[in-house]
């Protein structure tokens, strides 16, 4: 494979790894909130479980509060902002995407991309070495003397 073709293959692999991360667009800000969507992104502050599975009295209270906000026509962002104002930032299942917490969103995709590039480079290097080894003539070892050949035949005869 030519060098430009290898580069193209690597770029396609990197693009395929990055697309799920980059392509995930948030919902429009004016879209009406969905209860199931919010329940998955919010935690119960008492039992520290997702509201989608939490059954504590505090979770029921939070669900009722969210239901009231959704019934009032609030968007998902507005509901989350109201929950943070009422319960604090620990109510969100995912940390905000700014400051030090931004690393949570950057490091894992970067590690995946670096891993893919390392794997691709290792495979290409190994293929190149195997092609080079196949192209080289096999090195012949030193020829056996008559005494060594006789001794080898005797040794192999013992095991036959």
Protein backbone atom coordinates (compact mmCIF):
# COMPACT_ATOMS: atom_id res chain seq x y z
CA UNK A 1 0.00 0.00 0.00
CA UNK A 2 1.40 3.38 -0.96
CA UNK A 3 2.15 6.03 1.64
CA UNK A 4 -0.72 8.40 0.56
CA UNK A 5 -3.17 5.50 0.65
CA UNK A 6 -2.03 4.53 4.16
CA UNK A 7 -2.44 8.14 5.28
CA UNK A 8 -5.95 8.21 3.82
CA UNK A 9 -6.84 4.99 5.65
CA UNK A 10 -5.55 6.42 8.93
CA UNK A 11 -7.53 9.64 8.44
CA UNK A 12 -10.71 7.68 7.74
CA UNK A 13 -10.13 5.62 10.91
CA UNK A 14 -9.64 8.75 13.00
CA UNK A 15 -12.71 10.38 11.48
CA UNK A 16 -14.79 7.28 12.20
CA UNK A 17 -13.63 7.35 15.82
CA UNK A 18 -14.40 11.04 16.27
CA UNK A 19 -17.76 11.18 14.47
CA UNK A 20 -19.91 9.78 17.32
CA UNK A 21 -18.43 12.37 19.69
CA UNK A 22 -18.59 15.35 17.35
CA UNK A 23 -21.83 14.38 15.61
CA UNK A 24 -23.88 14.20 18.80
CA UNK A 25 -25.77 17.46 18.60
CA UNK A 26 -27.77 18.69 21.58
CA UNK A 27 -31.50 19.13 21.30
CA UNK A 28 -32.67 22.61 20.29
CA UNK A 29 -32.98 25.01 23.21
CA UNK A 30 -36.66 25.73 22.48
CA UNK A 31 -37.74 22.06 22.33
CA UNK A 32 -40.21 20.94 24.99
CA UNK A 33 -38.65 18.76 27.67
CA UNK A 34 -39.34 15.02 27.87
CA UNK A 35 -39.71 13.43 31.31
CA UNK A 36 -37.79 10.28 30.37
CA UNK A 37 -34.99 12.33 28.85
CA UNK A 38 -34.65 14.45 31.98
CA UNK A 39 -34.94 11.50 34.38
CA UNK A 40 -31.93 9.89 32.70
CA UNK A 41 -29.80 13.03 33.08
CA UNK A 42 -30.70 13.84 36.69
CA UNK A 43 -29.70 12.14 39.93
CA UNK A 44 -31.61 11.67 43.16
CA UNK A 45 -29.73 13.77 45.72
CA UNK A 46 -30.61 11.35 48.55
CA UNK A 47 -29.77 7.94 47.07
CA UNK A 48 -27.33 9.10 44.31
CA UNK A 49 -29.04 7.06 41.60
CA UNK A 50 -30.47 8.18 38.30
CA UNK A 51 -34.06 9.38 38.68
CA UNK A 52 -34.98 6.87 35.98
CA UNK A 53 -34.40 4.04 38.50
CA UNK A 54 -34.53 5.74 41.91
CA UNK A 55 -37.49 4.88 44.16
CA UNK A 56 -36.77 6.89 47.32
CA UNK A 57 -39.21 9.50 48.65
CA UNK A 58 -36.71 12.21 47.66
CA UNK A 59 -36.66 10.82 44.10
CA UNK A 60 -40.46 10.95 43.97
CA UNK A 61 -40.34 14.56 45.17
CA UNK A 62 -37.82 15.46 42.45
CA UNK A 63 -39.91 13.68 39.80
CA UNK A 64 -43.01 15.61 40.87
CA UNK A 65 -41.06 18.89 40.71
CA UNK A 66 -39.79 18.02 37.22
CA UNK A 67 -43.30 17.06 36.10
CA UNK A 68 -44.60 20.47 37.26
CA UNK A 69 -41.86 22.28 35.34
CA UNK A 70 -42.50 20.25 32.18
CA UNK A 71 -46.24 20.87 32.46
CA UNK A 72 -45.45 24.60 32.59
CA UNK A 73 -43.71 24.25 29.20
CA UNK A 74 -40.12 24.54 30.40
CA UNK A 75 -37.30 23.32 28.16
CA UNK A 76 -34.82 20.70 29.28
CA UNK A 77 -32.17 23.33 29.97
CA UNK A 78 -34.61 25.40 32.01
CA UNK A 79 -35.66 22.34 34.02
CA UNK A 80 -32.03 21.42 34.69
CA UNK A 81 -31.23 25.00 35.69
CA UNK A 82 -34.18 24.99 38.11
CA UNK A 83 -33.04 21.67 39.58
CA UNK A 84 -29.49 22.98 40.05
CA UNK A 85 -30.87 26.10 41.72
CA UNK A 86 -32.99 23.96 44.06
CA UNK A 87 -30.70 21.00 44.79
CA UNK A 88 -27.21 22.09 43.71
CA UNK A 89 -24.96 20.87 40.88
CA UNK A 90 -24.80 17.32 42.30
CA UNK A 91 -28.32 16.77 40.94
CA UNK A 92 -26.90 16.53 37.39
CA UNK A 93 -25.72 13.10 36.26
CA UNK A 94 -23.06 14.63 34.02
CA UNK A 95 -20.78 17.46 35.13
CA UNK A 96 -20.93 20.77 33.28
CA UNK A 97 -18.78 20.96 30.14
CA UNK A 98 -16.50 23.79 31.23
CA UNK A 99 -13.44 24.29 33.38
CA UNK A 100 -11.68 21.22 34.75
CA UNK A 101 -14.79 19.06 34.14
CA UNK A 102 -14.31 19.57 30.40
CA UNK A 103 -11.50 16.99 30.57
CA UNK A 104 -14.13 14.29 31.14
CA UNK A 105 -15.48 14.99 27.67
CA UNK A 106 -12.09 15.42 25.93
CA UNK A 107 -9.76 12.78 27.39
CA UNK A 108 -11.69 9.55 26.60
CA UNK A 109 -12.18 10.33 22.88
CA UNK A 110 -8.56 11.49 22.68
CA UNK A 111 -7.38 8.22 24.24
CA UNK A 112 -9.49 6.25 21.74
CA UNK A 113 -8.06 8.21 18.79
CA UNK A 114 -4.49 7.81 20.06
CA UNK A 115 -5.09 4.09 20.58
CA UNK A 116 -6.45 3.67 17.06
CA UNK A 117 -3.52 5.58 15.57
CA UNK A 118 -1.04 3.51 17.59
CA UNK A 119 -2.71 0.30 16.46
CA UNK A 120 -2.75 1.37 12.81
CA UNK A 121 0.91 2.43 12.94
CA UNK A 122 1.92 -0.85 14.63
CA UNK A 123 0.08 -2.90 12.00
CA UNK A 124 1.64 -0.92 9.16
CA UNK A 125 5.11 -1.25 10.69
CA UNK A 126 4.67 -5.00 11.17
CA UNK A 127 3.47 -5.47 7.57
CA UNK A 128 6.41 -3.50 6.25
CA UNK A 129 8.87 -5.58 8.28
CA UNK A 130 7.29 -8.85 7.12
CA UNK A 131 7.47 -7.71 3.47
CA UNK A 132 11.10 -6.71 3.92
CA UNK A 133 11.88 -10.05 5.56
CA UNK A 134 10.17 -11.93 2.71
CA UNK A 135 12.13 -9.95 0.13
CA UNK A 136 15.50 -10.76 1.75
CA UNK A 137 17.02 -14.08 0.85
CA UNK A 138 17.16 -16.52 3.69
CA UNK A 139 20.57 -16.55 5.30
CA UNK A 140 22.19 -19.94 5.17
CA UNK A 141 23.93 -21.07 8.30
CA UNK A 142 27.41 -22.55 8.30
CA UNK A 143 27.67 -25.84 6.46
CA UNK A 144 27.86 -28.98 8.59
CA UNK A 145 31.10 -30.84 8.64
CA UNK A 146 31.03 -34.55 7.99
CA UNK A 147 31.66 -35.27 11.69
CA UNK A 148 28.80 -32.97 12.78
CA UNK A 149 26.45 -34.52 10.22
CA UNK A 150 27.33 -38.03 11.47
CA UNK A 151 26.82 -36.99 15.12
CA UNK A 152 23.46 -35.37 14.24
CA UNK A 153 22.29 -38.55 12.51
CA UNK A 154 23.26 -40.59 15.59
CA UNK A 155 21.42 -38.23 17.95
CA UNK A 156 18.28 -38.23 15.82
CA UNK A 157 18.49 -42.01 15.50
CA UNK A 158 18.14 -42.37 19.26
CA UNK A 159 14.72 -40.68 19.21
CA UNK A 160 13.32 -42.44 16.18
